[in-house]
Amino acid sequence: MEGTSERSASILEANLSFFVLRLTLAIVVWPSQCQVGCLNGGVCAFQREDPAQQKCICLIGIWEGDRCERKGRF
């Protein structure tokens, strides 16, 4: 059983590091003001440092792409 718990711990660490790397401080834009047109539940936002640059924030692992248009790996 030791091997199983060690393997589970390493999978958990890998998943946590994946989520931590994607953490971004952004300000959400109202959908009516979004110039990007996010799909599949993506949220339109901009970074505080560059308000002119809007982008979509997708559900991590579920959707990918500039507009959350492609299925992710989960």
PDB file of N, CA and C in Angstrom:
ATOM      1  N   MET A   1       0.803  -1.202   0.000  1.00  0.00           N
ATOM      2  CA  MET A   1       0.000   0.000   0.000  1.00  0.00           C
ATOM      3  C   MET A   1       0.847   1.267   0.000  1.00  0.00           C
ATOM      4  N   GLU A   2       2.098   1.156   0.441  1.00  0.00           N
ATOM      5  CA  GLU A   2       2.930   2.358   0.482  1.00  0.00           C
ATOM      6  C   GLU A   2       3.098   2.966  -0.896  1.00  0.00           C
ATOM      7  N   GLY A   3       3.303   2.146  -1.897  1.00  0.00           N
ATOM      8  CA  GLY A   3       3.482   2.647  -3.252  1.00  0.00           C
ATOM      9  C   GLY A   3       2.274   3.414  -3.748  1.00  0.00           C
ATOM     10  N   THR A   4       1.095   2.943  -3.377  1.00  0.00           N
ATOM     11  CA  THR A   4      -0.136   3.611  -3.802  1.00  0.00           C
ATOM     12  C   THR A   4      -0.260   4.989  -3.180  1.00  0.00           C
ATOM     13  N   SER A   5       0.014   5.100  -1.881  1.00  0.00           N
ATOM     14  CA  SER A   5      -0.112   6.409  -1.220  1.00  0.00           C
ATOM     15  C   SER A   5       0.954   7.378  -1.718  1.00  0.00           C
ATOM     16  N   GLU A   6       2.157   6.880  -2.000  1.00  0.00           N
ATOM     17  CA  GLU A   6       3.209   7.749  -2.541  1.00  0.00           C
ATOM     18  C   GLU A   6       2.828   8.235  -3.939  1.00  0.00           C
ATOM     19  N   ARG A   7       2.278   7.336  -4.750  1.00  0.00           N
ATOM     20  CA  ARG A   7       1.872   7.710  -6.100  1.00  0.00           C
ATOM     21  C   ARG A   7       0.730   8.730  -6.046  1.00  0.00           C
ATOM     22  N   SER A   8      -0.234   8.530  -5.141  1.00  0.00           N
ATOM     23  CA  SER A   8      -1.340   9.480  -4.987  1.00  0.00           C
ATOM     24  C   SER A   8      -0.827  10.843  -4.558  1.00  0.00           C
ATOM     25  N   ALA A   9       0.141  10.863  -3.649  1.00  0.00           N
ATOM     26  CA  ALA A   9       0.706  12.133  -3.185  1.00  0.00           C
ATOM     27  C   ALA A   9       1.404  12.857  -4.329  1.00  0.00           C
ATOM     28  N   SER A  10       2.137  12.126  -5.179  1.00  0.00           N
ATOM     29  CA  SER A  10       2.831  12.787  -6.284  1.00  0.00           C
ATOM     30  C   SER A  10       1.845  13.302  -7.328  1.00  0.00           C
ATOM     31  N   ILE A  11       0.739  12.583  -7.554  1.00  0.00           N
ATOM     32  CA  ILE A  11      -0.285  13.065  -8.486  1.00  0.00           C
ATOM     33  C   ILE A  11      -0.920  14.331  -7.943  1.00  0.00           C
ATOM     34  N   LEU A  12      -1.213  14.353  -6.639  1.00  0.00           N
ATOM     35  CA  LEU A  12      -1.798  15.534  -6.011  1.00  0.00           C
ATOM     36  C   LEU A  12      -0.854  16.723  -6.126  1.00  0.00           C
ATOM     37  N   GLU A  13       0.440  16.512  -5.876  1.00  0.00           N
ATOM     38  CA  GLU A  13       1.417  17.594  -5.999  1.00  0.00           C
ATOM     39  C   GLU A  13       1.472  18.114  -7.427  1.00  0.00           C
ATOM     40  N   ALA A  14       1.437  17.235  -8.408  1.00  0.00           N
ATOM     41  CA  ALA A  14       1.479  17.657  -9.810  1.00  0.00           C
ATOM     42  C   ALA A  14       0.246  18.481 -10.149  1.00  0.00           C
ATOM     43  N   ASN A  15      -0.924  18.053  -9.691  1.00  0.00           N
ATOM     44  CA  ASN A  15      -2.145  18.805  -9.955  1.00  0.00           C
ATOM     45  C   ASN A  15      -2.115  20.163  -9.274  1.00  0.00           C
ATOM     46  N   LEU A  16      -1.643  20.216  -8.039  1.00  0.00           N
ATOM     47  CA  LEU A  16      -1.566  21.492  -7.331  1.00  0.00           C
ATOM     48  C   LEU A  16      -0.614  22.449  -8.028  1.00  0.00           C
ATOM     49  N   SER A  17       0.535  21.951  -8.488  1.00  0.00           N
ATOM     50  CA  SER A  17       1.483  22.835  -9.161  1.00  0.00           C
ATOM     51  C   SER A  17       0.900  23.338 -10.476  1.00  0.00           C
ATOM     52  N   PHE A  18       0.114  22.523 -11.167  1.00  0.00           N
ATOM     53  CA  PHE A  18      -0.539  22.954 -12.405  1.00  0.00           C
ATOM     54  C   PHE A  18      -1.485  24.112 -12.118  1.00  0.00           C
ATOM     55  N   PHE A  19      -2.285  24.003 -11.059  1.00  0.00           N
ATOM     56  CA  PHE A  19      -3.236  25.057 -10.721  1.00  0.00           C
ATOM     57  C   PHE A  19      -2.534  26.314 -10.239  1.00  0.00           C
ATOM     58  N   VAL A  20      -1.470  26.186  -9.483  1.00  0.00           N
ATOM     59  CA  VAL A  20      -0.756  27.351  -8.965  1.00  0.00           C
ATOM     60  C   VAL A  20      -0.136  28.153 -10.105  1.00  0.00           C
ATOM     61  N   LEU A  21       0.387  27.491 -11.107  1.00  0.00           N
ATOM     62  CA  LEU A  21       1.018  28.189 -12.217  1.00  0.00           C
ATOM     63  C   LEU A  21       0.029  29.026 -13.015  1.00  0.00           C
ATOM     64  N   ARG A  22      -1.261  28.677 -12.982  1.00  0.00           N
ATOM     65  CA  ARG A  22      -2.264  29.380 -13.761  1.00  0.00           C
ATOM     66  C   ARG A  22      -2.928  30.532 -13.005  1.00  0.00           C
ATOM     67  N   LEU A  23      -2.558  30.747 -11.743  1.00  0.00           N
ATOM     68  CA  LEU A  23      -3.174  31.799 -10.941  1.00  0.00           C
ATOM     69  C   LEU A  23      -2.769  33.164 -11.477  1.00  0.00           C
ATOM     70  N   THR A  24      -3.751  33.994 -11.791  1.00  0.00           N
ATOM     71  CA  THR A  24      -3.505  35.307 -12.384  1.00  0.00           C
ATOM     72  C   THR A  24      -4.411  36.333 -11.734  1.00  0.00           C
ATOM     73  N   LEU A  25      -3.861  37.499 -11.439  1.00  0.00           N
ATOM     74  CA  LEU A  25      -4.686  38.589 -10.935  1.00  0.00           C
ATOM     75  C   LEU A  25      -5.265  39.321 -12.133  1.00  0.00           C
ATOM     76  N   ALA A  26      -6.579  39.314 -12.238  1.00  0.00           N
ATOM     77  CA  ALA A  26      -7.236  39.947 -13.375  1.00  0.00           C
ATOM     78  C   ALA A  26      -8.525  40.603 -12.903  1.00  0.00           C
ATOM     79  N   ILE A  27      -8.996  41.540 -13.683  1.00  0.00           N
ATOM     80  CA  ILE A  27     -10.249  42.228 -13.404  1.00  0.00           C
ATOM     81  C   ILE A  27     -11.262  41.779 -14.449  1.00  0.00           C
ATOM     82  N   VAL A  28     -12.405  41.313 -13.978  1.00  0.00           N
ATOM     83  CA  VAL A  28     -13.433  40.778 -14.870  1.00  0.00           C
ATOM     84  C   VAL A  28     -14.140  41.918 -15.598  1.00  0.00           C
ATOM     85  N   VAL A  29     -14.399  41.688 -16.873  1.00  0.00           N
ATOM     86  CA  VAL A  29     -15.090  42.658 -17.722  1.00  0.00           C
ATOM     87  C   VAL A  29     -16.522  42.167 -17.927  1.00  0.00           C
ATOM     88  N   TRP A  30     -17.512  43.064 -17.885  1.00  0.00           N
ATOM     89  CA  TRP A  30     -18.893  42.686 -18.170  1.00  0.00           C
ATOM     90  C   TRP A  30     -18.958  42.092 -19.573  1.00  0.00           C
ATOM     91  N   PRO A  31     -19.737  41.029 -19.759  1.00  0.00           N
ATOM     92  CA  PRO A  31     -19.835  40.400 -21.088  1.00  0.00           C
ATOM     93  C   PRO A  31     -20.191  41.383 -22.202  1.00  0.00           C
ATOM     94  N   SER A  32     -21.018  42.370 -21.917  1.00  0.00           N
ATOM     95  CA  SER A  32     -21.400  43.342 -22.951  1.00  0.00           C
ATOM     96  C   SER A  32     -20.235  44.245 -23.355  1.00  0.00           C
ATOM     97  N   GLN A  33     -19.207  44.342 -22.508  1.00  0.00           N
ATOM     98  CA  GLN A  33     -18.043  45.178 -22.806  1.00  0.00           C
ATOM     99  C   GLN A  33     -16.855  44.366 -23.309  1.00  0.00           C
ATOM    100  N   CYS A  34     -17.005  43.061 -23.355  1.00  0.00           N
ATOM    101  CA  CYS A  34     -15.906  42.190 -23.768  1.00  0.00           C
ATOM    102  C   CYS A  34     -15.739  42.242 -25.287  1.00  0.00           C
ATOM    103  N   GLN A  35     -14.532  42.522 -25.727  1.00  0.00           N
ATOM    104  CA  GLN A  35     -14.239  42.586 -27.157  1.00  0.00           C
ATOM    105  C   GLN A  35     -13.752  41.248 -27.700  1.00  0.00           C
ATOM    106  N   VAL A  36     -13.432  40.319 -26.809  1.00  0.00           N
ATOM    107  CA  VAL A  36     -12.852  39.038 -27.213  1.00  0.00           C
ATOM    108  C   VAL A  36     -13.927  38.020 -27.589  1.00  0.00           C
ATOM    109  N   GLY A  37     -15.008  37.956 -26.860  1.00  0.00           N
ATOM    110  CA  GLY A  37     -16.072  36.982 -27.127  1.00  0.00           C
ATOM    111  C   GLY A  37     -15.731  35.596 -26.622  1.00  0.00           C
ATOM    112  N   CYS A  38     -15.649  35.432 -25.318  1.00  0.00           N
ATOM    113  CA  CYS A  38     -15.302  34.143 -24.712  1.00  0.00           C
ATOM    114  C   CYS A  38     -16.415  33.117 -24.935  1.00  0.00           C
ATOM    115  N   LEU A  39     -16.019  31.858 -25.082  1.00  0.00           N
ATOM    116  CA  LEU A  39     -16.954  30.756 -25.311  1.00  0.00           C
ATOM    117  C   LEU A  39     -16.932  29.780 -24.136  1.00  0.00           C
ATOM    118  N   ASN A  40     -17.898  28.903 -24.082  1.00  0.00           N
ATOM    119  CA  ASN A  40     -17.930  27.776 -23.140  1.00  0.00           C
ATOM    120  C   ASN A  40     -17.734  28.170 -21.680  1.00  0.00           C
ATOM    121  N   GLY A  41     -18.333  29.256 -21.276  1.00  0.00           N
ATOM    122  CA  GLY A  41     -18.251  29.677 -19.879  1.00  0.00           C
ATOM    123  C   GLY A  41     -16.985  30.432 -19.521  1.00  0.00           C
ATOM    124  N   GLY A  42     -16.153  30.752 -20.511  1.00  0.00           N
ATOM    125  CA  GLY A  42     -14.950  31.535 -20.245  1.00  0.00           C
ATOM    126  C   GLY A  42     -15.320  32.932 -19.761  1.00  0.00           C
ATOM    127  N   VAL A  43     -14.473  33.502 -18.921  1.00  0.00           N
ATOM    128  CA  VAL A  43     -14.727  34.820 -18.347  1.00  0.00           C
ATOM    129  C   VAL A  43     -13.769  35.825 -18.972  1.00  0.00           C
ATOM    130  N   CYS A  44     -14.307  36.917 -19.460  1.00  0.00           N
ATOM    131  CA  CYS A  44     -13.501  37.970 -20.068  1.00  0.00           C
ATOM    132  C   CYS A  44     -12.879  38.819 -18.961  1.00  0.00           C
ATOM    133  N   ALA A  45     -11.590  39.088 -19.078  1.00  0.00           N
ATOM    134  CA  ALA A  45     -10.891  39.856 -18.048  1.00  0.00           C
ATOM    135  C   ALA A  45      -9.707  40.583 -18.660  1.00  0.00           C
ATOM    136  N   PHE A  46      -9.136  41.498 -17.880  1.00  0.00           N
ATOM    137  CA  PHE A  46      -7.884  42.134 -18.276  1.00  0.00           C
ATOM    138  C   PHE A  46      -6.976  42.206 -17.069  1.00  0.00           C
ATOM    139  N   GLN A  47      -5.673  42.232 -17.323  1.00  0.00           N
ATOM    140  CA  GLN A  47      -4.717  42.359 -16.236  1.00  0.00           C
ATOM    141  C   GLN A  47      -4.648  43.813 -15.821  1.00  0.00           C
ATOM    142  N   ARG A  48      -4.476  44.020 -14.545  1.00  0.00           N
ATOM    143  CA  ARG A  48      -4.447  45.375 -14.007  1.00  0.00           C
ATOM    144  C   ARG A  48      -3.345  46.215 -14.647  1.00  0.00           C
ATOM    145  N   GLU A  49      -2.237  45.585 -14.996  1.00  0.00           N
ATOM    146  CA  GLU A  49      -1.104  46.307 -15.585  1.00  0.00           C
ATOM    147  C   GLU A  49      -1.381  46.773 -17.013  1.00  0.00           C
ATOM    148  N   ASP A  50      -2.292  46.082 -17.721  1.00  0.00           N
ATOM    149  CA  ASP A  50      -2.570  46.416 -19.117  1.00  0.00           C
ATOM    150  C   ASP A  50      -4.067  46.310 -19.402  1.00  0.00           C
ATOM    151  N   PRO A  51      -4.859  47.309 -18.990  1.00  0.00           N
ATOM    152  CA  PRO A  51      -6.314  47.239 -19.145  1.00  0.00           C
ATOM    153  C   PRO A  51      -6.791  47.165 -20.597  1.00  0.00           C
ATOM    154  N   ALA A  52      -5.980  47.586 -21.545  1.00  0.00           N
ATOM    155  CA  ALA A  52      -6.391  47.564 -22.952  1.00  0.00           C
ATOM    156  C   ALA A  52      -6.381  46.145 -23.527  1.00  0.00           C
ATOM    157  N   GLN A  53      -5.661  45.243 -22.905  1.00  0.00           N
ATOM    158  CA  GLN A  53      -5.510  43.871 -23.403  1.00  0.00           C
ATOM    159  C   GLN A  53      -6.499  42.943 -22.700  1.00  0.00           C
ATOM    160  N   GLN A  54      -7.595  42.601 -23.364  1.00  0.00           N
ATOM    161  CA  GLN A  54      -8.576  41.684 -22.793  1.00  0.00           C
ATOM    162  C   GLN A  54      -8.238  40.254 -23.192  1.00  0.00           C
ATOM    163  N   LYS A  55      -8.614  39.302 -22.334  1.00  0.00           N
ATOM    164  CA  LYS A  55      -8.409  37.892 -22.648  1.00  0.00           C
ATOM    165  C   LYS A  55      -9.444  37.061 -21.923  1.00  0.00           C
ATOM    166  N   CYS A  56      -9.602  35.832 -22.356  1.00  0.00           N
ATOM    167  CA  CYS A  56     -10.555  34.920 -21.734  1.00  0.00           C
ATOM    168  C   CYS A  56      -9.837  34.059 -20.701  1.00  0.00           C
ATOM    169  N   ILE A  57     -10.477  33.864 -19.576  1.00  0.00           N
ATOM    170  CA  ILE A  57      -9.993  32.935 -18.563  1.00  0.00           C
ATOM    171  C   ILE A  57     -10.911  31.721 -18.637  1.00  0.00           C
ATOM    172  N   CYS A  58     -10.322  30.581 -19.003  1.00  0.00           N
ATOM    173  CA  CYS A  58     -11.090  29.355 -19.221  1.00  0.00           C
ATOM    174  C   CYS A  58     -11.104  28.501 -17.956  1.00  0.00           C
ATOM    175  N   LEU A  59     -12.060  27.573 -17.887  1.00  0.00           N
ATOM    176  CA  LEU A  59     -12.061  26.588 -16.814  1.00  0.00           C
ATOM    177  C   LEU A  59     -10.828  25.719 -17.008  1.00  0.00           C
ATOM    178  N   ILE A  60      -9.953  25.703 -16.027  1.00  0.00           N
ATOM    179  CA  ILE A  60      -8.653  25.048 -16.151  1.00  0.00           C
ATOM    180  C   ILE A  60      -8.812  23.567 -16.462  1.00  0.00           C
ATOM    181  N   GLY A  61      -8.180  23.144 -17.535  1.00  0.00           N
ATOM    182  CA  GLY A  61      -8.190  21.747 -17.934  1.00  0.00           C
ATOM    183  C   GLY A  61      -9.427  21.318 -18.701  1.00  0.00           C
ATOM    184  N   ILE A  62     -10.504  22.094 -18.620  1.00  0.00           N
ATOM    185  CA  ILE A  62     -11.744  21.738 -19.300  1.00  0.00           C
ATOM    186  C   ILE A  62     -11.775  22.354 -20.701  1.00  0.00           C
ATOM    187  N   TRP A  63     -11.455  23.655 -20.799  1.00  0.00           N
ATOM    188  CA  TRP A  63     -11.438  24.375 -22.073  1.00  0.00           C
ATOM    189  C   TRP A  63     -10.111  25.100 -22.228  1.00  0.00           C
ATOM    190  N   GLU A  64      -9.652  25.245 -23.468  1.00  0.00           N
ATOM    191  CA  GLU A  64      -8.387  25.912 -23.773  1.00  0.00           C
ATOM    192  C   GLU A  64      -8.570  26.808 -24.991  1.00  0.00           C
ATOM    193  N   GLY A  65      -7.551  27.587 -25.290  1.00  0.00           N
ATOM    194  CA  GLY A  65      -7.561  28.450 -26.466  1.00  0.00           C
ATOM    195  C   GLY A  65      -7.795  29.897 -26.083  1.00  0.00           C
ATOM    196  N   ASP A  66      -7.566  30.783 -27.036  1.00  0.00           N
ATOM    197  CA  ASP A  66      -7.720  32.215 -26.781  1.00  0.00           C
ATOM    198  C   ASP A  66      -9.137  32.583 -26.365  1.00  0.00           C
ATOM    199  N   ARG A  67     -10.123  31.827 -26.878  1.00  0.00           N
ATOM    200  CA  ARG A  67     -11.530  32.120 -26.565  1.00  0.00           C
ATOM    201  C   ARG A  67     -12.209  30.949 -25.850  1.00  0.00           C
ATOM    202  N   CYS A  68     -11.416  30.020 -25.298  1.00  0.00           N
ATOM    203  CA  CYS A  68     -11.942  28.814 -24.628  1.00  0.00           C
ATOM    204  C   CYS A  68     -12.729  27.960 -25.614  1.00  0.00           C
ATOM    205  N   GLU A  69     -12.221  27.855 -26.824  1.00  0.00           N
ATOM    206  CA  GLU A  69     -12.940  27.164 -27.898  1.00  0.00           C
ATOM    207  C   GLU A  69     -12.574  25.688 -28.043  1.00  0.00           C
ATOM    208  N   ARG A  70     -11.472  25.238 -27.440  1.00  0.00           N
ATOM    209  CA  ARG A  70     -11.031  23.846 -27.587  1.00  0.00           C
ATOM    210  C   ARG A  70     -11.182  23.089 -26.276  1.00  0.00           C
ATOM    211  N   LYS A  71     -11.569  21.815 -26.388  1.00  0.00           N
ATOM    212  CA  LYS A  71     -11.652  20.958 -25.199  1.00  0.00           C
ATOM    213  C   LYS A  71     -10.257  20.769 -24.623  1.00  0.00           C
ATOM    214  N   GLY A  72     -10.176  20.792 -23.297  1.00  0.00           N
ATOM    215  CA  GLY A  72      -8.911  20.566 -22.604  1.00  0.00           C
ATOM    216  C   GLY A  72      -8.645  19.087 -22.415  1.00  0.00           C
ATOM    217  N   ARG A  73      -7.707  18.776 -21.545  1.00  0.00           N
ATOM    218  CA  ARG A  73      -7.326  17.380 -21.363  1.00  0.00           C
ATOM    219  C   ARG A  73      -8.142  16.648 -20.312  1.00  0.00           C
ATOM    220  N   PHE A  74      -9.013  17.318 -19.593  1.00  0.00           N
ATOM    221  CA  PHE A  74      -9.843  16.634 -18.584  1.00  0.00           C
ATOM    222  C   PHE A  74     -11.213  16.371 -19.119  1.00  0.00           C
TER     223      PHE A  74
END
